Amino acid sequence: MKFNEKYKVSPGFEALFESTTDSEHIEQNAKNMSARFLSEIERLCDERKLLKKNLAKELGVSASYITQLFRGDKLLNFTFLSKLELYFKISFSIAAHPVQSLKVKRSNVLPLPDNTRSVSSAK
């Protein structure tokens, strides 16, 4: 059974594609940036079979702080990133890339039967 045959997608789903305020965008982007760094740290921990509680002990922070970081409750700061680089003997690389965003307008949404999901037209 296909997803769109099993579930009816709510019209409220369109709100996910509507533009947000600058403040909301900045907050979400900060969380995404933190998550990208942390995914690399998680990979390094997995490779070394290092538990997060042991990582916390090695870095001189509480296990709850590490948990809050990985859950996204707290954001990474540069001081902690520096500790991570020193501990793992790594260097994070930084590069600037142009941002490509997808703006979906109601006029770009193709009408479909009630039991299927909407697909935006590409421009």
Protein backbone atom coordinates (compact mmCIF):
# COMPACT_ATOMS: atom_id res chain seq x y z
CA MET A 1 0.00 0.00 0.00
CA LYS A 2 1.36 3.41 -0.94
CA PHE A 3 1.67 6.17 1.65
CA ASN A 4 -0.84 8.40 -0.12
CA GLU A 5 -3.36 5.55 -0.26
CA LYS A 6 -3.09 4.89 3.46
CA TYR A 7 -3.03 8.48 4.76
CA LYS A 8 -4.86 11.62 3.82
CA VAL A 9 -2.45 14.55 4.00
CA SER A 10 -3.92 17.50 5.86
CA PRO A 11 -4.20 20.87 4.13
CA GLY A 12 -2.40 22.29 7.17
CA PHE A 13 0.72 20.60 5.83
CA GLU A 14 1.11 23.55 3.44
CA ALA A 15 2.05 25.72 6.42
CA LEU A 16 5.39 23.90 6.54
CA PHE A 17 6.31 25.51 3.24
CA GLU A 18 5.19 29.03 4.06
CA SER A 19 7.85 31.56 4.86
CA THR A 20 8.78 32.10 8.50
CA THR A 21 9.98 35.22 10.25
CA ASP A 22 13.67 36.08 10.17
CA SER A 23 13.89 35.29 13.87
CA GLU A 24 12.41 31.81 13.38
CA HIS A 25 14.67 31.20 10.40
CA ILE A 26 17.78 32.22 12.38
CA GLU A 27 16.83 30.00 15.32
CA GLN A 28 16.17 26.99 13.08
CA ASN A 29 19.39 27.57 11.14
CA ALA A 30 21.39 27.71 14.39
CA LYS A 31 19.89 24.37 15.45
CA ASN A 32 20.71 22.86 12.06
CA MET A 33 24.30 24.10 12.24
CA SER A 34 24.70 22.66 15.72
CA ALA A 35 23.26 19.35 14.54
CA ARG A 36 25.73 19.15 11.65
CA PHE A 37 28.68 19.52 14.03
CA LEU A 38 27.18 17.05 16.48
CA SER A 39 26.57 14.44 13.79
CA GLU A 40 30.31 14.47 13.12
CA ILE A 41 31.04 14.13 16.84
CA GLU A 42 28.58 11.25 17.08
CA ARG A 43 30.32 9.54 14.16
CA LEU A 44 33.70 9.93 15.90
CA CYS A 45 32.26 8.58 19.16
CA ASP A 46 30.79 5.58 17.31
CA GLU A 47 34.11 4.86 15.59
CA ARG A 48 35.89 4.90 18.95
CA LYS A 49 33.05 3.18 20.82
CA LEU A 50 33.02 6.17 23.14
CA LEU A 51 29.89 6.60 25.26
CA LYS A 52 28.52 10.11 25.60
CA LYS A 53 28.82 9.96 29.39
CA ASN A 54 32.53 9.16 28.98
CA LEU A 55 32.90 11.99 26.48
CA ALA A 56 31.36 14.33 29.04
CA LYS A 57 33.81 13.18 31.70
CA GLU A 58 36.79 13.62 29.34
CA LEU A 59 35.67 17.14 28.42
CA GLY A 60 34.87 18.18 31.98
CA VAL A 61 31.16 18.74 31.43
CA SER A 62 28.10 17.00 32.81
CA ALA A 63 26.50 14.08 31.01
CA SER A 64 23.24 16.04 31.06
CA TYR A 65 24.91 18.88 29.10
CA ILE A 66 25.96 16.41 26.40
CA THR A 67 22.43 15.01 26.35
CA GLN A 68 20.96 18.52 26.01
CA LEU A 69 23.28 19.24 23.09
CA PHE A 70 22.43 16.06 21.23
CA ARG A 71 18.69 16.52 21.84
CA GLY A 72 18.88 20.07 20.49
CA ASP A 73 17.85 21.65 23.80
CA LYS A 74 21.12 23.63 23.88
CA LEU A 75 23.28 24.97 21.08
CA LEU A 76 26.99 24.39 20.69
CA ASN A 77 29.31 27.30 21.39
CA PHE A 78 32.79 27.95 20.04
CA THR A 79 34.52 27.19 23.33
CA PHE A 80 32.99 23.72 23.41
CA LEU A 81 33.78 23.18 19.72
CA SER A 82 37.39 24.03 20.54
CA LYS A 83 37.37 21.42 23.33
CA LEU A 84 36.00 18.85 20.87
CA GLU A 85 38.69 19.65 18.31
CA LEU A 86 41.40 19.32 20.93
CA TYR A 87 40.03 16.07 22.37
CA PHE A 88 39.45 14.34 19.02
CA LYS A 89 42.57 15.90 17.42
CA ILE A 90 40.49 17.22 14.54
CA SER A 91 39.80 20.52 12.88
CA PHE A 92 36.36 21.46 11.61
CA SER A 93 36.48 23.01 8.15
CA ILE A 94 34.35 25.97 7.24
CA ALA A 95 33.21 26.99 3.78
CA ALA A 96 30.65 29.48 2.54
CA HIS A 97 28.21 28.28 -0.11
CA PRO A 98 25.36 30.17 -1.80
CA VAL A 99 21.96 29.26 -0.37
CA GLN A 100 19.33 27.87 -2.68
CA SER A 101 15.85 27.99 -1.26
CA LEU A 102 12.59 26.60 -2.49
CA LYS A 103 9.70 29.00 -2.20
CA VAL A 104 6.32 27.35 -2.66
CA LYS A 105 3.37 29.55 -3.48
CA ARG A 106 -0.21 28.39 -3.44
CA SER A 107 -0.38 28.96 -7.21
CA ASN A 108 2.44 26.42 -7.65
CA VAL A 109 0.56 23.60 -5.89
CA LEU A 110 -1.07 21.15 -8.23
CA PRO A 111 -4.58 20.00 -7.28
CA LEU A 112 -4.86 16.27 -6.63
CA PRO A 113 -7.67 13.97 -5.47
CA ASP A 114 -8.48 14.00 -1.74
CA ASN A 115 -6.62 10.78 -0.95
CA THR A 116 -3.25 11.86 -2.39
CA ARG A 117 -0.57 14.29 -1.34
CA SER A 118 0.13 17.58 -3.12
CA VAL A 119 3.22 18.06 -5.22
CA SER A 120 4.58 21.49 -6.06
CA SER A 121 5.52 22.29 -9.61
CA ALA A 122 9.18 22.96 -10.26
CA LYS A 123 10.20 26.28 -11.76
